[in-house]
Amino acid sequence: MSETPSQAPDNSIMSKWVRGPQDFVGGIALMAIAAFALWASSDLQGMRGFSFGAGTAPRMFGVLLLLLGAAVTLMGLFTEGPGISKYHWRGPLFVSLAILSFAVAIRPLGLVISAFAAFMIAALGTHETRWKETIIVGACLTLGCSLLFPYALGLPLQLFPRFMIQ
């Protein structure tokens, strides 16, 4: 057996005209997300004069993301770049679980417990987590959120579970 990898011809259509496959596919994904954001915000009120509507910011960010995705896609077409690498599911899985757990827990458990729990769940997304530092950073971020949202911004969020307040 030979020690070198085989030089079999690549039959992928992408290899014929895409010089940076990872950038190309990433740009296409960004443009798909932007198209979804533009579609989702299409029925929201836009900007009238100098007053912003509910759909102004999502549309602005959607257009910016669409332009950024197009630029990344073009970079993948015209410049050499890395091939598509193996995708690791652990990080996105635990970050998504953290977002969902925060959404489910914010009303019954309050901001303090749900924010800290969501941060800890997101920390499970990598095997490189140092738990002592993670707990300290999570406590600091939770304290910052607890001061920012209800007090500095005046949002009506309960900080603790209802059974602890009564």
Protein backbone atom coordinates (compact mmCIF):
# COMPACT_ATOMS: atom_id res chain seq x y z
CA MET A 1 0.00 0.00 0.00
CA SER A 2 1.12 3.48 -0.76
CA GLU A 3 1.76 6.00 2.02
CA THR A 4 0.48 8.97 -0.04
CA PRO A 5 -3.19 9.77 -0.49
CA SER A 6 -4.65 8.87 -3.83
CA GLN A 7 -4.96 11.55 -6.47
CA ALA A 8 -8.32 10.42 -7.75
CA PRO A 9 -10.09 13.01 -9.87
CA ASP A 10 -12.56 15.15 -7.97
CA ASN A 11 -15.95 14.79 -9.62
CA SER A 12 -17.58 17.56 -7.59
CA ILE A 13 -19.04 20.38 -9.65
CA MET A 14 -17.93 22.83 -6.99
CA SER A 15 -14.24 22.14 -7.53
CA LYS A 16 -14.41 23.26 -11.15
CA TRP A 17 -15.44 26.85 -10.54
CA VAL A 18 -15.17 27.53 -6.80
CA ARG A 19 -11.69 28.30 -5.49
CA GLY A 20 -12.67 28.64 -1.81
CA PRO A 21 -15.48 26.18 -1.04
CA GLN A 22 -15.76 27.07 2.65
CA ASP A 23 -16.23 30.78 1.90
CA PHE A 24 -18.62 30.02 -0.94
CA VAL A 25 -20.91 27.79 1.13
CA GLY A 26 -20.70 30.14 4.12
CA GLY A 27 -21.70 33.10 1.96
CA ILE A 28 -24.64 31.17 0.55
CA ALA A 29 -25.74 30.33 4.12
CA LEU A 30 -25.51 33.99 5.16
CA MET A 31 -27.59 35.03 2.17
CA ALA A 32 -30.21 32.39 3.03
CA ILE A 33 -30.46 33.69 6.60
CA ALA A 34 -30.76 37.25 5.27
CA ALA A 35 -33.49 36.24 2.83
CA PHE A 36 -35.40 34.61 5.70
CA ALA A 37 -35.01 37.75 7.86
CA LEU A 38 -36.24 39.96 5.02
CA TRP A 39 -39.21 37.67 4.42
CA ALA A 40 -40.05 37.48 8.13
CA SER A 41 -39.95 41.26 8.53
CA SER A 42 -41.86 42.02 5.33
CA ASP A 43 -45.19 42.58 7.06
CA LEU A 44 -43.77 44.85 9.79
CA GLN A 45 -44.16 48.61 9.58
CA GLY A 46 -41.13 50.32 8.06
CA MET A 47 -39.58 53.74 8.41
CA ARG A 48 -41.77 56.80 7.94
CA GLY A 49 -39.83 60.04 7.82
CA PHE A 50 -37.45 60.13 10.75
CA SER A 51 -39.38 57.68 12.93
CA PHE A 52 -38.34 54.07 12.87
CA GLY A 53 -40.94 51.35 12.58
CA ALA A 54 -40.79 47.84 13.98
CA GLY A 55 -39.48 46.45 10.68
CA THR A 56 -36.77 49.05 10.01
CA ALA A 57 -33.93 47.45 11.98
CA PRO A 58 -34.60 43.85 10.85
CA ARG A 59 -34.70 44.98 7.23
CA MET A 60 -31.54 47.07 7.56
CA PHE A 61 -29.67 44.17 9.17
CA GLY A 62 -31.12 41.75 6.62
CA VAL A 63 -29.86 43.87 3.71
CA LEU A 64 -26.45 44.26 5.36
CA LEU A 65 -26.23 40.50 5.95
CA LEU A 66 -27.29 39.85 2.35
CA LEU A 67 -24.52 42.15 1.06
CA LEU A 68 -21.98 40.57 3.41
CA GLY A 69 -23.02 37.09 2.29
CA ALA A 70 -22.68 38.10 -1.36
CA ALA A 71 -19.18 39.46 -0.68
CA VAL A 72 -18.12 36.25 1.10
CA THR A 73 -19.57 34.16 -1.74
CA LEU A 74 -17.63 36.17 -4.32
CA MET A 75 -14.47 35.74 -2.25
CA GLY A 76 -15.07 31.99 -2.41
CA LEU A 77 -15.35 32.17 -6.18
CA PHE A 78 -12.28 34.27 -6.90
CA THR A 79 -9.73 33.63 -4.13
CA GLU A 80 -8.10 30.43 -2.96
CA GLY A 81 -9.45 29.21 0.34
CA PRO A 82 -9.86 26.15 2.49
CA GLY A 83 -12.12 23.29 1.55
CA ILE A 84 -15.22 22.49 3.50
CA SER A 85 -14.13 21.28 6.89
CA LYS A 86 -15.84 18.80 9.16
CA TYR A 87 -18.74 20.33 11.06
CA HIS A 88 -18.91 19.95 14.83
CA TRP A 89 -22.43 19.88 16.26
CA ARG A 90 -21.65 20.22 19.96
CA GLY A 91 -21.29 24.01 20.07
CA PRO A 92 -24.40 24.98 18.08
CA LEU A 93 -26.43 22.29 19.86
CA PHE A 94 -25.68 23.54 23.37
CA VAL A 95 -26.01 27.22 22.42
CA SER A 96 -29.42 26.47 20.90
CA LEU A 97 -30.41 24.54 24.03
CA ALA A 98 -29.27 27.49 26.16
CA ILE A 99 -31.46 29.90 24.17
CA LEU A 100 -34.45 27.58 24.39
CA SER A 101 -33.98 27.00 28.12
CA PHE A 102 -33.78 30.75 28.72
CA ALA A 103 -36.98 31.32 26.74
CA VAL A 104 -38.82 28.62 28.68
CA ALA A 105 -37.43 29.53 32.13
CA ILE A 106 -37.52 33.35 32.14
CA ARG A 107 -41.15 33.70 33.28
CA PRO A 108 -41.39 31.01 35.95
CA LEU A 109 -37.82 31.28 37.30
CA GLY A 110 -36.95 34.93 36.76
CA LEU A 111 -33.98 36.60 35.12
CA VAL A 112 -31.27 35.65 37.61
CA ILE A 113 -31.76 31.88 37.58
CA SER A 114 -32.63 31.56 33.89
CA ALA A 115 -29.72 33.72 32.69
CA PHE A 116 -27.19 31.88 34.83
CA ALA A 117 -28.56 28.47 33.80
CA ALA A 118 -28.51 29.44 30.11
CA PHE A 119 -24.88 30.55 30.42
CA MET A 120 -23.92 27.25 32.05
CA ILE A 121 -25.71 25.25 29.35
CA ALA A 122 -23.94 27.22 26.62
CA ALA A 123 -20.61 26.53 28.34
CA LEU A 124 -21.17 22.82 27.71
CA GLY A 125 -20.67 23.57 23.99
CA THR A 126 -16.92 23.01 24.23
CA HIS A 127 -14.79 20.47 26.02
CA GLU A 128 -12.29 23.23 26.86
CA THR A 129 -14.53 24.84 29.49
CA ARG A 130 -12.83 25.68 32.76
CA TRP A 131 -15.67 25.52 35.25
CA LYS A 132 -14.29 27.78 37.97
CA GLU A 133 -13.80 30.65 35.49
CA THR A 134 -17.11 29.86 33.78
CA ILE A 135 -19.04 30.15 37.04
CA ILE A 136 -17.35 33.48 37.86
CA VAL A 137 -18.05 34.93 34.40
CA GLY A 138 -21.62 33.59 34.48
CA ALA A 139 -22.23 35.24 37.86
CA CYS A 140 -20.80 38.55 36.62
CA LEU A 141 -22.89 38.49 33.43
CA THR A 142 -26.00 37.57 35.38
CA LEU A 143 -25.37 40.47 37.78
CA GLY A 144 -24.87 42.80 34.80
CA CYS A 145 -28.13 41.64 33.19
CA SER A 146 -29.94 41.98 36.51
CA LEU A 147 -28.85 45.60 36.79
CA LEU A 148 -29.14 46.54 33.13
CA PHE A 149 -32.57 45.33 32.08
CA PRO A 150 -34.88 46.13 35.01
CA TYR A 151 -33.04 49.14 36.45
CA ALA A 152 -31.04 50.90 33.70
CA LEU A 153 -33.48 50.16 30.86
CA GLY A 154 -36.62 50.02 32.99
CA LEU A 155 -37.91 46.74 31.52
CA PRO A 156 -40.53 45.00 33.68
CA LEU A 157 -38.64 41.75 34.28
CA GLN A 158 -38.94 39.79 37.47
CA LEU A 159 -35.54 38.93 38.86
CA PHE A 160 -36.41 35.90 40.99
CA PRO A 161 -39.05 33.14 40.93
CA ARG A 162 -42.50 34.06 42.17
CA PHE A 163 -42.32 31.64 45.10
CA MET A 164 -39.21 33.45 46.41
CA ILE A 165 -40.84 36.90 46.22
CA GLN A 166 -44.04 36.11 48.15
